[in-house]
Amino acid sequence: MLANDMKKGQTGTLENGWNFKIEDNQKGITRVATVYGFYTEIGSIYLHDVATLDMPDGSKAHVEFTPSQQKNIDTIKKSFARLGF
């Protein structure tokens, strides 16, 4: 599923194993989501941290990015790597 096609209410799992629910209909590489982890919190998440999405038919899907989004994600990952993350 394309990242820009995710709508409010879409659920899934992050790379760290926590579940989330999208809370906005924006486009881009960050989205506002409710994250169910140690605590339930609402905040921004990076879409490249999404492991799988729950589809209406019960299957799981991966997030796909546009070339422009992928370029931005590569820049972010390089910046994190320079900082030691």
Protein backbone atom coordinates (compact mmCIF):
# COMPACT_ATOMS: atom_id res chain seq x y z
CA MET A 1 0.00 0.00 0.00
CA LEU A 2 1.31 3.46 -0.83
CA ALA A 3 2.04 5.64 2.19
CA ASN A 4 -0.18 8.42 0.81
CA ASP A 5 -3.15 6.00 0.61
CA MET A 6 -3.23 5.44 4.38
CA LYS A 7 -6.39 6.95 5.89
CA LYS A 8 -7.55 7.82 9.39
CA GLY A 9 -8.28 4.63 11.31
CA GLN A 10 -5.66 2.49 9.49
CA THR A 11 -3.91 0.21 11.98
CA GLY A 12 -0.62 -1.63 11.92
CA THR A 13 2.57 -2.57 13.73
CA LEU A 14 5.77 -0.55 14.11
CA GLU A 15 9.27 -2.03 13.77
CA ASN A 16 9.59 -2.17 17.58
CA GLY A 17 6.45 -4.34 17.85
CA TRP A 18 4.07 -1.67 19.12
CA ASN A 19 0.68 -1.20 17.45
CA PHE A 20 -0.63 2.08 16.10
CA LYS A 21 -3.71 3.72 14.60
CA ILE A 22 -3.45 6.63 12.13
CA GLU A 23 -5.26 9.76 13.34
CA ASP A 24 -5.00 12.05 10.28
CA ASN A 25 -5.45 12.03 6.50
CA GLN A 26 -2.26 13.94 5.63
CA LYS A 27 0.40 12.90 3.15
CA GLY A 28 4.15 12.73 3.62
CA ILE A 29 6.65 10.70 5.62
CA THR A 30 5.31 11.56 9.09
CA ARG A 31 1.79 10.94 10.33
CA VAL A 32 -0.08 11.57 13.56
CA ALA A 33 -0.92 8.27 15.23
CA THR A 34 -2.04 6.75 18.50
CA VAL A 35 0.73 4.38 19.55
CA TYR A 36 -0.06 1.53 21.93
CA GLY A 37 3.24 0.80 23.70
CA PHE A 38 4.23 0.99 27.36
CA TYR A 39 1.67 3.82 27.44
CA THR A 40 -0.93 4.89 24.92
CA GLU A 41 0.19 8.15 23.35
CA ILE A 42 -0.69 10.30 20.35
CA GLY A 43 2.16 11.79 18.34
CA SER A 44 4.02 11.83 15.06
CA ILE A 45 5.56 8.66 13.66
CA TYR A 46 7.88 8.19 10.69
CA LEU A 47 6.33 5.90 8.10
CA HIS A 48 9.64 4.16 7.50
CA ASP A 49 9.26 2.81 11.06
CA VAL A 50 6.06 0.94 10.08
CA ALA A 51 6.61 -2.82 9.82
CA THR A 52 3.17 -3.92 8.59
CA LEU A 53 -0.31 -2.54 7.97
CA ASP A 54 -3.52 -4.36 8.81
CA MET A 55 -5.74 -4.64 5.74
CA PRO A 56 -9.57 -4.87 5.85
CA ASP A 57 -9.49 -8.48 4.59
CA GLY A 58 -7.31 -9.54 7.54
CA SER A 59 -4.02 -9.69 5.65
CA LYS A 60 -0.85 -7.69 6.32
CA ALA A 61 0.79 -5.27 3.87
CA HIS A 62 4.03 -3.28 3.72
CA VAL A 63 4.25 0.46 3.12
CA GLU A 64 5.52 1.58 -0.28
CA PHE A 65 6.93 5.06 -0.89
CA THR A 66 6.99 7.47 -3.81
CA PRO A 67 10.47 8.33 -5.17
CA SER A 68 10.32 11.74 -3.47
CA GLN A 69 9.39 10.19 -0.12
CA GLN A 70 12.16 7.60 -0.47
CA LYS A 71 14.69 10.38 -1.10
CA ASN A 72 13.58 12.16 2.09
CA ILE A 73 13.71 8.91 4.08
CA ASP A 74 17.25 8.20 2.86
CA THR A 75 18.31 11.69 3.98
CA ILE A 76 16.75 11.16 7.42
CA LYS A 77 18.43 7.77 7.86
CA LYS A 78 21.82 9.25 6.87
CA SER A 79 21.35 12.03 9.43
CA PHE A 80 20.48 9.51 12.16
CA ALA A 81 23.50 7.40 11.23
CA ARG A 82 25.79 10.43 11.59
CA LEU A 83 24.39 10.99 15.07
CA GLY A 84 25.01 7.37 16.02
CA PHE A 85 21.42 6.08 16.00
